[in-house]
N, C-alpha and C. Protein backbone atom coordinates (compact mmCIF):
# COMPACT_ATOMS: atom_id res chain seq x y z
N UNK A 1 78.06 -4.81 274.50
CA UNK A 1 77.35 -3.70 275.04
C UNK A 1 77.71 -2.42 274.26
N UNK A 2 78.99 -2.32 274.01
CA UNK A 2 79.47 -1.16 273.29
C UNK A 2 78.88 -1.14 271.87
N UNK A 3 78.76 -2.29 271.29
CA UNK A 3 78.21 -2.39 269.94
C UNK A 3 76.74 -1.97 269.92
N UNK A 4 75.98 -2.34 270.97
CA UNK A 4 74.57 -1.96 271.06
C UNK A 4 74.44 -0.44 271.16
N UNK A 5 75.32 0.18 271.95
CA UNK A 5 75.28 1.64 272.10
C UNK A 5 75.59 2.32 270.77
N UNK A 6 76.56 1.79 270.03
CA UNK A 6 76.92 2.37 268.75
C UNK A 6 75.75 2.23 267.76
N UNK A 7 75.10 1.06 267.79
CA UNK A 7 73.96 0.84 266.91
C UNK A 7 72.81 1.80 267.26
N UNK A 8 72.53 1.97 268.56
CA UNK A 8 71.49 2.89 269.01
C UNK A 8 71.85 4.33 268.62
N UNK A 9 73.13 4.66 268.79
CA UNK A 9 73.60 6.00 268.44
C UNK A 9 73.40 6.27 266.94
N UNK A 10 73.78 5.27 266.11
CA UNK A 10 73.59 5.41 264.67
C UNK A 10 72.10 5.49 264.33
N UNK A 11 71.29 4.67 265.02
CA UNK A 11 69.87 4.65 264.79
C UNK A 11 69.25 6.00 265.16
N UNK A 12 69.66 6.59 266.29
CA UNK A 12 69.16 7.89 266.73
C UNK A 12 69.57 9.00 265.76
N UNK A 13 70.82 8.91 265.27
CA UNK A 13 71.27 9.89 264.29
C UNK A 13 70.42 9.77 263.03
N UNK A 14 70.11 8.57 262.64
CA UNK A 14 69.26 8.33 261.48
C UNK A 14 67.86 8.87 261.69
N UNK A 15 67.35 8.68 262.91
CA UNK A 15 66.03 9.20 263.23
C UNK A 15 66.02 10.72 263.20
N UNK A 16 67.07 11.32 263.78
CA UNK A 16 67.13 12.77 263.82
C UNK A 16 67.23 13.33 262.41
N UNK A 17 68.03 12.73 261.60
CA UNK A 17 68.16 13.23 260.24
C UNK A 17 66.85 13.00 259.47
N UNK A 18 66.17 11.90 259.73
CA UNK A 18 64.89 11.65 259.09
C UNK A 18 63.85 12.66 259.58
N UNK A 19 63.86 12.95 260.88
CA UNK A 19 62.93 13.93 261.45
C UNK A 19 63.23 15.33 260.91
N UNK A 20 64.51 15.66 260.85
CA UNK A 20 64.86 17.00 260.34
C UNK A 20 64.53 17.09 258.85
N UNK A 21 64.72 16.02 258.12
CA UNK A 21 64.37 15.99 256.71
C UNK A 21 62.86 16.13 256.53
N UNK A 22 62.11 15.45 257.37
CA UNK A 22 60.64 15.54 257.32
C UNK A 22 60.21 16.97 257.64
N UNK A 23 60.85 17.61 258.62
CA UNK A 23 60.53 18.99 258.99
C UNK A 23 60.86 19.94 257.84
N UNK A 24 61.99 19.68 257.19
CA UNK A 24 62.40 20.50 256.05
C UNK A 24 61.37 20.39 254.92
N UNK A 25 60.91 19.18 254.64
CA UNK A 25 59.90 18.98 253.61
C UNK A 25 58.58 19.66 253.99
N UNK A 26 58.21 19.55 255.26
CA UNK A 26 56.99 20.18 255.73
C UNK A 26 57.08 21.71 255.60
N UNK A 27 58.21 22.28 255.99
CA UNK A 27 58.41 23.73 255.86
C UNK A 27 58.35 24.16 254.40
N UNK A 28 58.98 23.37 253.53
CA UNK A 28 58.94 23.66 252.10
C UNK A 28 57.52 23.60 251.56
N UNK A 29 56.77 22.62 251.98
CA UNK A 29 55.38 22.49 251.55
C UNK A 29 54.55 23.68 252.02
N UNK A 30 54.78 24.11 253.28
CA UNK A 30 54.04 25.26 253.82
C UNK A 30 54.37 26.54 253.04
N UNK A 31 55.65 26.73 252.70
CA UNK A 31 56.05 27.90 251.91
C UNK A 31 55.39 27.87 250.54
N UNK A 32 55.39 26.71 249.94
CA UNK A 32 54.78 26.55 248.62
C UNK A 32 53.28 26.84 248.69
N UNK A 33 52.64 26.36 249.72
CA UNK A 33 51.20 26.61 249.91
C UNK A 33 50.93 28.10 250.08
N UNK A 34 51.76 28.78 250.87
CA UNK A 34 51.60 30.22 251.08
C UNK A 34 51.82 31.00 249.78
N UNK A 35 52.82 30.60 249.02
CA UNK A 35 53.09 31.24 247.74
C UNK A 35 51.92 31.04 246.77
N UNK A 36 51.34 29.86 246.79
CA UNK A 36 50.19 29.58 245.92
C UNK A 36 48.98 30.42 246.33
N UNK A 37 48.76 30.55 247.63
CA UNK A 37 47.66 31.40 248.12
C UNK A 37 47.87 32.85 247.68
N UNK A 38 49.09 33.34 247.78
CA UNK A 38 49.40 34.70 247.33
C UNK A 38 49.19 34.84 245.82
N UNK A 39 49.57 33.82 245.08
CA UNK A 39 49.36 33.81 243.63
C UNK A 39 47.87 33.91 243.29
N UNK A 40 47.04 33.15 244.00
CA UNK A 40 45.61 33.18 243.76
C UNK A 40 45.05 34.57 244.05
N UNK A 41 45.52 35.21 245.12
CA UNK A 41 45.05 36.56 245.46
C UNK A 41 45.47 37.56 244.37
N UNK A 42 46.71 37.46 243.90
CA UNK A 42 47.17 38.36 242.83
C UNK A 42 46.35 38.17 241.56
N UNK A 43 46.05 36.92 241.23
CA UNK A 43 45.26 36.64 240.03
C UNK A 43 43.85 37.18 240.16
N UNK A 44 43.25 37.04 241.34
CA UNK A 44 41.90 37.57 241.56
C UNK A 44 41.90 39.09 241.40
N UNK A 45 42.90 39.75 241.94
CA UNK A 45 43.02 41.21 241.82
C UNK A 45 43.24 41.60 240.36
N UNK A 46 44.05 40.84 239.66
CA UNK A 46 44.31 41.10 238.25
C UNK A 46 43.03 40.95 237.43
N UNK A 47 42.24 39.93 237.74
CA UNK A 47 40.96 39.73 237.04
C UNK A 47 40.01 40.89 237.28
N UNK A 48 39.97 41.39 238.52
CA UNK A 48 39.12 42.55 238.83
C UNK A 48 39.57 43.75 238.01
N UNK A 49 40.86 43.93 237.88
CA UNK A 49 41.41 45.05 237.12
C UNK A 49 41.01 44.95 235.65
N UNK A 50 41.08 43.76 235.09
CA UNK A 50 40.71 43.55 233.69
C UNK A 50 39.22 43.84 233.50
N UNK A 51 38.40 43.40 234.42
CA UNK A 51 36.96 43.64 234.33
C UNK A 51 36.67 45.14 234.41
N UNK A 52 37.36 45.84 235.35
CA UNK A 52 37.18 47.29 235.47
C UNK A 52 37.56 47.99 234.17
N UNK A 53 38.67 47.57 233.57
CA UNK A 53 39.13 48.18 232.33
C UNK A 53 38.12 47.94 231.21
N UNK A 54 37.62 46.73 231.11
CA UNK A 54 36.64 46.40 230.07
C UNK A 54 35.35 47.20 230.29
N UNK A 55 34.92 47.32 231.54
CA UNK A 55 33.73 48.09 231.86
C UNK A 55 33.93 49.54 231.46
N UNK A 56 35.08 50.09 231.79
CA UNK A 56 35.37 51.49 231.47
C UNK A 56 35.33 51.71 229.96
N UNK A 57 35.90 50.80 229.21
CA UNK A 57 35.93 50.92 227.76
C UNK A 57 34.52 50.92 227.17
N UNK A 58 33.68 50.03 227.63
CA UNK A 58 32.30 49.95 227.14
C UNK A 58 31.52 51.20 227.53
N UNK A 59 31.71 51.64 228.76
CA UNK A 59 30.99 52.82 229.25
C UNK A 59 31.36 54.04 228.42
N UNK A 60 32.64 54.19 228.10
CA UNK A 60 33.07 55.34 227.30
C UNK A 60 32.42 55.33 225.91
N UNK A 61 32.05 54.17 225.43
CA UNK A 61 31.35 54.08 224.15
C UNK A 61 29.85 54.35 224.30
N UNK A 62 29.30 54.04 225.47
CA UNK A 62 27.87 54.22 225.71
C UNK A 62 27.53 55.67 226.11
N UNK A 63 28.44 56.35 226.78
CA UNK A 63 28.16 57.71 227.29
C UNK A 63 27.70 58.69 226.20
N UNK A 64 28.30 58.68 225.00
CA UNK A 64 27.79 59.60 223.97
C UNK A 64 26.32 59.32 223.60
N UNK A 65 25.91 58.08 223.67
CA UNK A 65 24.51 57.73 223.39
C UNK A 65 23.62 58.36 224.47
N UNK A 66 24.03 58.21 225.72
CA UNK A 66 23.28 58.80 226.83
C UNK A 66 23.27 60.33 226.71
N UNK A 67 24.39 60.93 226.31
CA UNK A 67 24.46 62.38 226.10
C UNK A 67 23.46 62.81 225.04
N UNK A 68 23.35 62.04 223.96
CA UNK A 68 22.41 62.37 222.89
C UNK A 68 20.96 62.27 223.37
N UNK A 69 20.67 61.26 224.20
CA UNK A 69 19.33 61.16 224.79
C UNK A 69 19.04 62.42 225.60
N UNK A 70 20.00 62.81 226.45
CA UNK A 70 19.80 64.00 227.30
C UNK A 70 19.60 65.25 226.46
N UNK A 71 20.39 65.41 225.41
CA UNK A 71 20.25 66.58 224.54
C UNK A 71 18.89 66.61 223.87
N UNK A 72 18.46 65.46 223.38
CA UNK A 72 17.17 65.42 222.69
C UNK A 72 16.01 65.69 223.65
N UNK A 73 16.12 65.26 224.87
CA UNK A 73 15.07 65.49 225.86
C UNK A 73 14.92 66.99 226.14
N UNK A 74 16.03 67.72 226.13
CA UNK A 74 15.98 69.16 226.39
C UNK A 74 15.25 69.91 225.28
N UNK A 75 15.11 69.33 224.11
CA UNK A 75 14.49 70.01 222.98
C UNK A 75 13.08 69.52 222.66
N UNK A 76 12.46 68.81 223.56
CA UNK A 76 11.09 68.35 223.34
C UNK A 76 10.15 69.54 223.51
N UNK A 77 9.32 69.80 222.51
CA UNK A 77 8.35 70.90 222.64
C UNK A 77 7.39 70.64 223.80
N UNK A 78 6.97 71.71 224.45
CA UNK A 78 6.08 71.60 225.62
C UNK A 78 4.81 70.81 225.31
N UNK A 79 4.25 71.01 224.13
CA UNK A 79 2.99 70.32 223.81
C UNK A 79 3.19 68.83 223.52
N UNK A 80 4.45 68.36 223.40
CA UNK A 80 4.74 66.96 223.11
C UNK A 80 5.23 66.17 224.34
N UNK A 81 5.41 66.84 225.47
CA UNK A 81 5.99 66.18 226.66
C UNK A 81 5.17 64.99 227.15
N UNK A 82 3.85 65.03 226.97
CA UNK A 82 2.98 63.93 227.43
C UNK A 82 2.70 62.91 226.35
N UNK A 83 3.29 63.06 225.20
CA UNK A 83 3.11 62.14 224.09
C UNK A 83 3.65 60.76 224.50
N UNK A 84 2.90 59.69 224.25
CA UNK A 84 3.36 58.34 224.63
C UNK A 84 4.71 57.96 224.00
N UNK A 85 4.95 58.42 222.79
CA UNK A 85 6.22 58.12 222.13
C UNK A 85 7.38 58.76 222.91
N UNK A 86 7.20 60.01 223.32
CA UNK A 86 8.23 60.72 224.10
C UNK A 86 8.41 60.03 225.45
N UNK A 87 7.30 59.62 226.07
CA UNK A 87 7.38 58.92 227.36
C UNK A 87 8.18 57.63 227.20
N UNK A 88 7.98 56.91 226.09
CA UNK A 88 8.74 55.68 225.84
C UNK A 88 10.23 55.96 225.70
N UNK A 89 10.58 57.04 225.00
CA UNK A 89 12.00 57.42 224.85
C UNK A 89 12.59 57.75 226.22
N UNK A 90 11.83 58.43 227.06
CA UNK A 90 12.30 58.78 228.41
C UNK A 90 12.56 57.51 229.25
N UNK A 91 11.72 56.50 229.06
CA UNK A 91 11.91 55.24 229.78
C UNK A 91 13.19 54.54 229.31
N UNK A 92 13.46 54.60 228.01
CA UNK A 92 14.68 54.00 227.49
C UNK A 92 15.90 54.70 228.07
N UNK A 93 15.86 56.03 228.14
CA UNK A 93 16.96 56.81 228.72
C UNK A 93 17.17 56.41 230.18
N UNK A 94 16.08 56.32 230.93
CA UNK A 94 16.18 55.95 232.35
C UNK A 94 16.73 54.54 232.50
N UNK A 95 16.30 53.64 231.63
CA UNK A 95 16.79 52.26 231.68
C UNK A 95 18.30 52.22 231.44
N UNK A 96 18.77 53.00 230.50
CA UNK A 96 20.21 53.07 230.22
C UNK A 96 20.97 53.62 231.43
N UNK A 97 20.43 54.65 232.06
CA UNK A 97 21.06 55.21 233.27
C UNK A 97 21.08 54.18 234.40
N UNK A 98 20.00 53.42 234.54
CA UNK A 98 19.94 52.38 235.58
C UNK A 98 20.98 51.28 235.35
N UNK A 99 21.16 50.88 234.09
CA UNK A 99 22.16 49.85 233.77
C UNK A 99 23.55 50.34 234.16
N UNK A 100 23.87 51.58 233.84
CA UNK A 100 25.17 52.13 234.21
C UNK A 100 25.33 52.16 235.73
N UNK A 101 24.31 52.62 236.43
CA UNK A 101 24.36 52.72 237.89
C UNK A 101 24.55 51.34 238.52
N UNK A 102 23.83 50.34 238.01
CA UNK A 102 23.93 48.98 238.54
C UNK A 102 25.32 48.38 238.32
N UNK A 103 26.06 48.94 237.36
CA UNK A 103 27.41 48.44 237.08
C UNK A 103 28.49 49.33 237.69
N UNK A 104 28.10 50.14 238.67
CA UNK A 104 29.08 50.92 239.43
C UNK A 104 29.47 52.25 238.81
N UNK A 105 28.75 52.68 237.78
CA UNK A 105 29.05 53.96 237.14
C UNK A 105 28.22 55.03 237.82
N UNK A 106 28.90 56.06 238.32
CA UNK A 106 28.21 57.14 239.01
C UNK A 106 28.40 58.45 238.25
N UNK A 107 27.36 59.25 238.25
CA UNK A 107 27.44 60.58 237.67
C UNK A 107 28.18 61.48 238.67
N UNK A 108 29.06 62.32 238.18
CA UNK A 108 29.75 63.29 239.04
C UNK A 108 28.79 64.45 239.27
N UNK A 109 28.50 64.73 240.52
CA UNK A 109 27.51 65.74 240.87
C UNK A 109 28.14 67.14 240.82
N UNK A 110 27.97 67.80 239.68
CA UNK A 110 28.45 69.16 239.48
C UNK A 110 27.25 70.00 239.08
N UNK A 111 27.07 71.13 239.77
CA UNK A 111 25.95 72.01 239.45
C UNK A 111 26.44 73.42 239.21
N UNK A 112 25.60 74.22 238.60
CA UNK A 112 25.90 75.61 238.38
C UNK A 112 26.16 76.28 239.74
N UNK A 113 27.25 77.04 239.81
CA UNK A 113 27.60 77.74 241.05
C UNK A 113 28.63 77.00 241.89
N UNK A 114 28.87 75.71 241.60
CA UNK A 114 29.90 74.96 242.34
C UNK A 114 31.28 75.52 241.99
N UNK A 115 32.22 75.34 242.90
CA UNK A 115 33.60 75.72 242.62
C UNK A 115 34.16 74.81 241.53
N UNK A 116 34.95 75.41 240.64
CA UNK A 116 35.59 74.63 239.59
C UNK A 116 36.70 73.79 240.22
N UNK A 117 36.66 72.50 240.01
CA UNK A 117 37.66 71.58 240.56
C UNK A 117 38.21 70.73 239.42
N UNK A 118 39.51 70.85 239.17
CA UNK A 118 40.12 70.14 238.05
C UNK A 118 40.10 68.62 238.23
N UNK A 119 39.84 68.14 239.43
CA UNK A 119 39.73 66.69 239.63
C UNK A 119 38.49 66.13 238.93
N UNK A 120 37.43 66.94 238.91
CA UNK A 120 36.15 66.46 238.41
C UNK A 120 35.67 67.18 237.15
N UNK A 121 36.28 68.32 236.83
CA UNK A 121 35.79 69.15 235.73
C UNK A 121 36.88 69.45 234.71
N UNK A 122 36.41 69.70 233.50
CA UNK A 122 37.28 70.16 232.43
C UNK A 122 36.62 71.42 231.88
N UNK A 123 37.34 72.56 231.95
CA UNK A 123 36.78 73.82 231.45
C UNK A 123 36.89 73.85 229.94
N UNK A 124 35.76 74.03 229.29
CA UNK A 124 35.78 74.10 227.83
C UNK A 124 35.61 75.54 227.35
N UNK A 125 35.21 76.43 228.26
CA UNK A 125 35.07 77.84 227.92
C UNK A 125 35.09 78.64 229.21
N UNK A 126 35.49 79.90 229.08
CA UNK A 126 35.50 80.80 230.23
C UNK A 126 34.57 81.95 229.92
N UNK A 127 33.60 82.13 230.80
CA UNK A 127 32.65 83.22 230.61
C UNK A 127 33.35 84.56 230.73
N UNK A 128 33.46 85.08 231.93
CA UNK A 128 34.13 86.35 232.20
C UNK A 128 35.60 86.05 232.42
N UNK A 129 36.44 86.46 231.49
CA UNK A 129 37.85 86.07 231.51
C UNK A 129 38.59 86.55 232.76
N UNK A 130 38.18 87.65 233.36
CA UNK A 130 38.88 88.16 234.54
C UNK A 130 38.59 87.30 235.76
N UNK A 131 37.39 86.72 235.84
CA UNK A 131 37.03 85.92 237.00
C UNK A 131 37.32 84.44 236.79
N UNK A 132 37.50 84.06 235.56
CA UNK A 132 37.69 82.63 235.27
C UNK A 132 39.06 82.17 235.72
N UNK A 133 39.22 80.89 235.77
CA UNK A 133 40.49 80.32 236.18
C UNK A 133 41.53 80.65 235.13
N UNK A 134 42.58 81.27 235.57
CA UNK A 134 43.65 81.64 234.67
C UNK A 134 44.94 80.96 235.08
N UNK A 135 46.04 81.59 234.74
CA UNK A 135 47.34 81.01 235.08
C UNK A 135 47.56 80.94 236.57
N UNK A 136 46.94 81.84 237.33
CA UNK A 136 47.13 81.88 238.78
C UNK A 136 46.34 80.78 239.48
N UNK A 137 45.38 80.21 238.83
CA UNK A 137 44.60 79.15 239.47
C UNK A 137 43.22 79.63 239.82
N UNK A 138 43.05 80.81 240.36
CA UNK A 138 41.75 81.41 240.65
C UNK A 138 40.78 80.49 241.35
N UNK A 139 39.60 81.00 241.63
CA UNK A 139 38.56 80.18 242.25
C UNK A 139 37.28 80.33 241.46
N UNK A 140 37.34 79.98 240.15
CA UNK A 140 36.19 80.10 239.26
C UNK A 140 35.03 79.25 239.71
N UNK A 141 33.87 79.65 239.25
CA UNK A 141 32.64 78.92 239.54
C UNK A 141 32.10 78.31 238.25
N UNK A 142 31.42 77.20 238.39
CA UNK A 142 30.81 76.54 237.24
C UNK A 142 29.60 77.37 236.82
N UNK A 143 29.59 77.82 235.57
CA UNK A 143 28.48 78.62 235.04
C UNK A 143 27.46 77.71 234.37
N UNK A 144 27.95 76.67 233.69
CA UNK A 144 27.05 75.75 233.00
C UNK A 144 27.75 74.40 232.82
N UNK A 145 27.00 73.33 233.02
CA UNK A 145 27.51 71.98 232.76
C UNK A 145 27.09 71.62 231.33
N UNK A 146 28.09 71.46 230.46
CA UNK A 146 27.81 71.13 229.06
C UNK A 146 27.65 69.63 228.89
N UNK A 147 28.55 68.83 229.50
CA UNK A 147 28.46 67.37 229.48
C UNK A 147 28.69 66.85 230.89
N UNK A 148 27.86 65.93 231.31
CA UNK A 148 28.01 65.34 232.64
C UNK A 148 29.28 64.51 232.70
N UNK A 149 29.86 64.45 233.89
CA UNK A 149 31.03 63.62 234.12
C UNK A 149 30.62 62.32 234.81
N UNK A 150 31.48 61.29 234.68
CA UNK A 150 31.17 59.99 235.26
C UNK A 150 32.41 59.39 235.89
N UNK A 151 32.18 58.52 236.89
CA UNK A 151 33.28 57.84 237.56
C UNK A 151 32.89 56.42 237.91
N UNK A 152 33.91 55.59 238.05
CA UNK A 152 33.74 54.22 238.55
C UNK A 152 34.50 54.19 239.86
N UNK A 153 33.79 54.06 240.97
CA UNK A 153 34.45 54.13 242.27
C UNK A 153 35.08 55.51 242.43
N UNK A 154 36.39 55.54 242.67
CA UNK A 154 37.11 56.80 242.81
C UNK A 154 37.75 57.25 241.50
N UNK A 155 37.69 56.42 240.48
CA UNK A 155 38.35 56.73 239.21
C UNK A 155 37.42 57.52 238.29
N UNK A 156 37.89 58.68 237.87
CA UNK A 156 37.14 59.50 236.93
C UNK A 156 37.33 58.92 235.54
N UNK A 157 36.22 58.54 234.88
CA UNK A 157 36.35 58.01 233.53
C UNK A 157 36.07 59.09 232.49
N UNK A 158 35.30 60.11 232.89
CA UNK A 158 35.12 61.27 232.03
C UNK A 158 34.80 62.46 232.92
N UNK A 159 35.64 63.49 232.91
CA UNK A 159 35.34 64.65 233.73
C UNK A 159 34.15 65.41 233.15
N UNK A 160 33.47 66.13 234.02
CA UNK A 160 32.36 66.97 233.55
C UNK A 160 32.94 68.10 232.73
N UNK A 161 32.32 68.40 231.61
CA UNK A 161 32.78 69.50 230.76
C UNK A 161 31.90 70.69 231.07
N UNK A 162 32.57 71.76 231.52
CA UNK A 162 31.82 72.90 232.04
C UNK A 162 32.31 74.22 231.45
N UNK A 163 31.44 75.23 231.57
CA UNK A 163 31.82 76.61 231.28
C UNK A 163 32.04 77.27 232.63
N UNK A 164 33.17 77.95 232.75
CA UNK A 164 33.55 78.57 234.02
C UNK A 164 33.31 80.07 233.93
N UNK A 165 32.80 80.64 235.02
CA UNK A 165 32.65 82.11 235.03
C UNK A 165 33.60 82.73 236.01
């Protein structure tokens, strides 16, 4: 009888150690699975960052082309505005703007008379030096937008270049 109890006791100890070992393996597997899920999330975020960076790089190369379109449009003689060739150029400019917009590129909305904000603007000239932003910081106003600014989401990729009065 005593031998049977000892055998059962040893068998139960073996079961408990097997059960605890199985639980340990299960916990380890769960940790590994959670770590892998976190890894996948980090990689997805990293991929988004790489795509954003690549988009920004391409956009910075395209913006001067769009600036040149805008400059040339400002110099079209009045008698040529309805010319089919000019209309075609205007459509190309609009198409380029649409492509940028569809890819998350937004124009920074700065107009004449807006307060000068260093987050969105870069002063390239000061009209009236006494009223313009100086060492004290001042509250200058935008007198003219020389180059439009652009952003991707909240990130400014090119500040608007303005003349401050």
